[in-house]
N, C-alpha and C. Protein backbone atom coordinates (compact mmCIF):
# COMPACT_ATOMS: atom_id res chain seq x y z
N MET A 1 -13.01 153.93 180.56
CA MET A 1 -12.60 152.63 181.04
C MET A 1 -12.73 152.60 182.56
N VAL A 2 -13.37 151.57 183.04
CA VAL A 2 -13.57 151.41 184.48
C VAL A 2 -12.45 150.53 185.02
N ARG A 3 -11.82 151.01 186.07
CA ARG A 3 -10.72 150.27 186.68
C ARG A 3 -11.28 149.31 187.72
N VAL A 4 -10.89 148.05 187.62
CA VAL A 4 -11.33 147.05 188.58
C VAL A 4 -10.64 147.32 189.92
N PRO A 5 -11.40 147.32 191.01
CA PRO A 5 -10.78 147.57 192.32
C PRO A 5 -9.71 146.53 192.63
N LEU A 6 -8.68 146.96 193.33
CA LEU A 6 -7.60 146.06 193.72
C LEU A 6 -8.07 145.17 194.87
N THR A 7 -7.54 143.96 194.88
CA THR A 7 -7.84 143.06 195.99
C THR A 7 -6.95 143.43 197.18
N ASP A 8 -7.30 142.91 198.34
CA ASP A 8 -6.47 143.14 199.52
C ASP A 8 -5.06 142.61 199.29
N GLU A 9 -4.95 141.46 198.62
CA GLU A 9 -3.63 140.86 198.34
C GLU A 9 -2.81 141.76 197.42
N GLU A 10 -3.43 142.35 196.41
CA GLU A 10 -2.71 143.25 195.50
C GLU A 10 -2.21 144.49 196.25
N ARG A 11 -3.05 145.03 197.12
CA ARG A 11 -2.62 146.17 197.92
C ARG A 11 -1.48 145.79 198.87
N SER A 12 -1.59 144.63 199.47
CA SER A 12 -0.56 144.15 200.39
C SER A 12 0.75 143.90 199.65
N ARG A 13 0.67 143.32 198.46
CA ARG A 13 1.88 143.08 197.66
C ARG A 13 2.54 144.40 197.28
N GLY A 14 1.75 145.42 196.96
CA GLY A 14 2.30 146.74 196.66
C GLY A 14 3.01 147.36 197.85
N GLU A 15 2.45 147.15 199.03
CA GLU A 15 3.10 147.66 200.25
C GLU A 15 4.42 146.92 200.50
N ARG A 16 4.43 145.59 200.30
CA ARG A 16 5.67 144.82 200.47
C ARG A 16 6.72 145.26 199.48
N LEU A 17 6.31 145.50 198.24
CA LEU A 17 7.25 145.98 197.22
C LEU A 17 7.87 147.30 197.66
N GLY A 18 7.05 148.21 198.14
CA GLY A 18 7.55 149.51 198.60
C GLY A 18 8.55 149.38 199.73
N VAL A 19 8.25 148.52 200.69
CA VAL A 19 9.16 148.30 201.82
C VAL A 19 10.50 147.75 201.33
N LEU A 20 10.44 146.79 200.42
CA LEU A 20 11.67 146.19 199.90
C LEU A 20 12.52 147.20 199.13
N LEU A 21 11.86 148.00 198.30
CA LEU A 21 12.61 149.00 197.52
C LEU A 21 13.20 150.08 198.42
N ARG A 22 12.44 150.49 199.43
CA ARG A 22 12.95 151.50 200.38
C ARG A 22 14.16 150.96 201.13
N ALA A 23 14.09 149.70 201.56
CA ALA A 23 15.22 149.09 202.27
C ALA A 23 16.43 148.98 201.36
N ALA A 24 16.21 148.63 200.10
CA ALA A 24 17.33 148.49 199.15
C ALA A 24 17.95 149.85 198.84
N ARG A 25 17.16 150.91 198.93
CA ARG A 25 17.68 152.26 198.68
C ARG A 25 18.70 152.64 199.76
N ALA A 26 18.54 152.07 200.94
CA ALA A 26 19.44 152.27 202.08
C ALA A 26 19.65 153.75 202.36
N GLY A 27 20.90 154.20 202.37
CA GLY A 27 21.22 155.57 202.74
C GLY A 27 21.12 156.57 201.62
N ARG A 28 20.78 156.12 200.43
CA ARG A 28 20.67 157.06 199.30
C ARG A 28 19.39 157.86 199.39
N SER A 29 19.44 159.09 198.96
CA SER A 29 18.24 159.94 199.02
C SER A 29 17.24 159.54 197.95
N MET A 30 15.99 159.87 198.20
CA MET A 30 14.94 159.61 197.21
C MET A 30 15.24 160.36 195.92
N ALA A 31 15.71 161.59 196.04
CA ALA A 31 15.99 162.41 194.86
C ALA A 31 17.07 161.77 194.00
N GLU A 32 18.12 161.26 194.65
CA GLU A 32 19.22 160.63 193.92
C GLU A 32 18.73 159.38 193.17
N VAL A 33 18.00 158.52 193.86
CA VAL A 33 17.52 157.28 193.25
C VAL A 33 16.51 157.58 192.14
N ALA A 34 15.59 158.49 192.41
CA ALA A 34 14.59 158.84 191.39
C ALA A 34 15.25 159.39 190.13
N ALA A 35 16.21 160.29 190.30
CA ALA A 35 16.89 160.88 189.14
C ALA A 35 17.61 159.80 188.33
N GLU A 36 18.31 158.91 189.02
CA GLU A 36 19.05 157.85 188.32
C GLU A 36 18.10 156.87 187.63
N ALA A 37 16.93 156.63 188.23
CA ALA A 37 15.95 155.71 187.65
C ALA A 37 15.12 156.37 186.55
N GLY A 38 15.19 157.70 186.47
CA GLY A 38 14.43 158.42 185.43
C GLY A 38 12.96 158.60 185.77
N ILE A 39 12.66 158.69 187.06
CA ILE A 39 11.28 158.91 187.50
C ILE A 39 11.25 160.11 188.44
N SER A 40 10.06 160.56 188.76
CA SER A 40 9.96 161.68 189.69
C SER A 40 10.09 161.19 191.13
N VAL A 41 10.50 162.10 192.00
CA VAL A 41 10.60 161.78 193.42
C VAL A 41 9.22 161.39 193.95
N GLU A 42 8.20 162.07 193.49
CA GLU A 42 6.83 161.78 193.95
C GLU A 42 6.41 160.36 193.55
N THR A 43 6.77 159.92 192.36
CA THR A 43 6.45 158.55 191.95
C THR A 43 7.16 157.56 192.85
N LEU A 44 8.44 157.78 193.12
CA LEU A 44 9.18 156.89 194.01
C LEU A 44 8.56 156.88 195.40
N ARG A 45 8.19 158.04 195.90
CA ARG A 45 7.57 158.15 197.23
C ARG A 45 6.27 157.34 197.27
N LYS A 46 5.46 157.48 196.23
CA LYS A 46 4.18 156.76 196.19
C LYS A 46 4.38 155.24 196.12
N ILE A 47 5.38 154.80 195.38
CA ILE A 47 5.66 153.37 195.29
C ILE A 47 6.15 152.86 196.64
N GLU A 48 7.08 153.57 197.25
CA GLU A 48 7.65 153.14 198.53
C GLU A 48 6.62 153.11 199.65
N THR A 49 5.60 153.95 199.57
CA THR A 49 4.58 153.98 200.62
C THR A 49 3.36 153.12 200.27
N GLY A 50 3.39 152.48 199.11
CA GLY A 50 2.27 151.62 198.72
C GLY A 50 1.09 152.35 198.12
N ARG A 51 1.23 153.65 197.87
CA ARG A 51 0.13 154.41 197.28
C ARG A 51 -0.03 154.11 195.80
N ILE A 52 1.01 153.54 195.18
CA ILE A 52 0.89 153.00 193.82
C ILE A 52 1.16 151.50 193.97
N PRO A 53 0.13 150.71 194.25
CA PRO A 53 0.34 149.29 194.54
C PRO A 53 0.69 148.45 193.31
N THR A 54 0.40 148.95 192.13
CA THR A 54 0.72 148.20 190.92
C THR A 54 1.47 149.10 189.93
N PRO A 55 2.71 149.45 190.27
CA PRO A 55 3.47 150.33 189.36
C PRO A 55 3.82 149.61 188.07
N ALA A 56 4.11 150.39 187.05
CA ALA A 56 4.48 149.83 185.74
C ALA A 56 5.76 149.01 185.86
N PHE A 57 5.82 147.94 185.09
CA PHE A 57 6.97 147.04 185.12
C PHE A 57 8.28 147.79 184.90
N PHE A 58 8.34 148.63 183.88
CA PHE A 58 9.59 149.31 183.56
C PHE A 58 10.00 150.31 184.65
N THR A 59 9.04 150.83 185.37
CA THR A 59 9.35 151.71 186.50
C THR A 59 10.01 150.91 187.61
N VAL A 60 9.42 149.76 187.93
CA VAL A 60 9.99 148.89 188.96
C VAL A 60 11.37 148.41 188.53
N ALA A 61 11.51 148.03 187.26
CA ALA A 61 12.80 147.56 186.76
C ALA A 61 13.86 148.64 186.87
N ALA A 62 13.51 149.89 186.56
CA ALA A 62 14.47 150.99 186.64
C ALA A 62 14.89 151.24 188.09
N ILE A 63 13.94 151.20 189.01
CA ILE A 63 14.27 151.41 190.42
C ILE A 63 15.14 150.26 190.93
N ALA A 64 14.73 149.04 190.61
CA ALA A 64 15.49 147.86 191.07
C ALA A 64 16.92 147.91 190.55
N ASP A 65 17.09 148.29 189.30
CA ASP A 65 18.43 148.38 188.72
C ASP A 65 19.25 149.46 189.43
N THR A 66 18.61 150.57 189.72
CA THR A 66 19.29 151.68 190.38
C THR A 66 19.76 151.32 191.79
N VAL A 67 18.93 150.58 192.52
CA VAL A 67 19.30 150.22 193.90
C VAL A 67 20.04 148.89 193.98
N GLY A 68 20.21 148.24 192.83
CA GLY A 68 21.02 147.02 192.78
C GLY A 68 20.34 145.77 193.31
N ILE A 69 19.04 145.67 193.11
CA ILE A 69 18.33 144.46 193.53
C ILE A 69 17.78 143.77 192.27
N PRO A 70 18.16 142.50 192.05
CA PRO A 70 17.66 141.80 190.86
C PRO A 70 16.14 141.61 190.92
N LEU A 71 15.49 141.71 189.76
CA LEU A 71 14.04 141.58 189.71
C LEU A 71 13.57 140.23 190.24
N ASP A 72 14.32 139.16 189.97
CA ASP A 72 13.93 137.84 190.48
C ASP A 72 13.90 137.83 192.00
N ARG A 73 14.90 138.44 192.61
CA ARG A 73 14.97 138.50 194.07
C ARG A 73 13.81 139.33 194.63
N LEU A 74 13.50 140.42 193.96
CA LEU A 74 12.40 141.27 194.38
C LEU A 74 11.08 140.51 194.29
N ARG A 75 10.87 139.80 193.19
CA ARG A 75 9.64 139.02 193.01
C ARG A 75 9.52 137.95 194.07
N LEU A 76 10.61 137.21 194.30
CA LEU A 76 10.58 136.14 195.30
C LEU A 76 10.32 136.69 196.69
N ALA A 77 10.90 137.84 197.01
CA ALA A 77 10.69 138.44 198.32
C ALA A 77 9.22 138.84 198.51
N CYS A 78 8.61 139.39 197.48
CA CYS A 78 7.19 139.76 197.56
C CYS A 78 6.31 138.53 197.67
N GLU A 79 6.62 137.50 196.92
CA GLU A 79 5.84 136.27 196.94
C GLU A 79 6.04 135.49 198.23
N SER A 80 7.26 135.44 198.75
CA SER A 80 7.52 134.63 199.93
C SER A 80 6.75 135.16 201.13
N GLU A 81 6.63 136.47 201.27
CA GLU A 81 5.85 137.02 202.37
C GLU A 81 4.38 136.68 202.20
N ALA A 82 3.89 136.71 200.96
CA ALA A 82 2.49 136.37 200.71
C ALA A 82 2.26 134.91 201.06
N THR A 83 3.20 134.04 200.71
CA THR A 83 3.09 132.61 201.02
C THR A 83 3.10 132.40 202.51
N GLU A 84 4.02 133.08 203.21
CA GLU A 84 4.10 132.95 204.67
C GLU A 84 2.80 133.40 205.32
N LEU A 85 2.24 134.49 204.84
CA LEU A 85 1.00 135.01 205.42
C LEU A 85 -0.16 134.06 205.18
N SER A 86 -0.26 133.48 203.99
CA SER A 86 -1.36 132.57 203.70
C SER A 86 -1.23 131.26 204.48
N GLN A 87 -0.01 130.81 204.74
CA GLN A 87 0.20 129.60 205.51
C GLN A 87 -0.11 129.82 206.99
N ALA A 88 0.06 131.04 207.46
CA ALA A 88 -0.20 131.36 208.86
C ALA A 88 -1.70 131.43 209.15
N SER A 89 -2.51 131.66 208.12
CA SER A 89 -3.96 131.80 208.31
C SER A 89 -4.65 130.47 208.51
């Protein structure tokens, strides 16, 4: 199976998601959040740094639940920055 390359917008959205999740993690360690979410520290690190720009839904849901950010709020935050950026162009 050939994977279709990601668009610049998809990569940018992945980076915004990572920034939002890292900020929501606040003072908690990556190890603590990853363990509670049921994922590896390396997976969390890759998501937070945008190296996994399109993580699986259930992975994002587990992290969001662990750090206490509702999925709707996370989605709106990712979309609102994209909207702001497109309006600025």
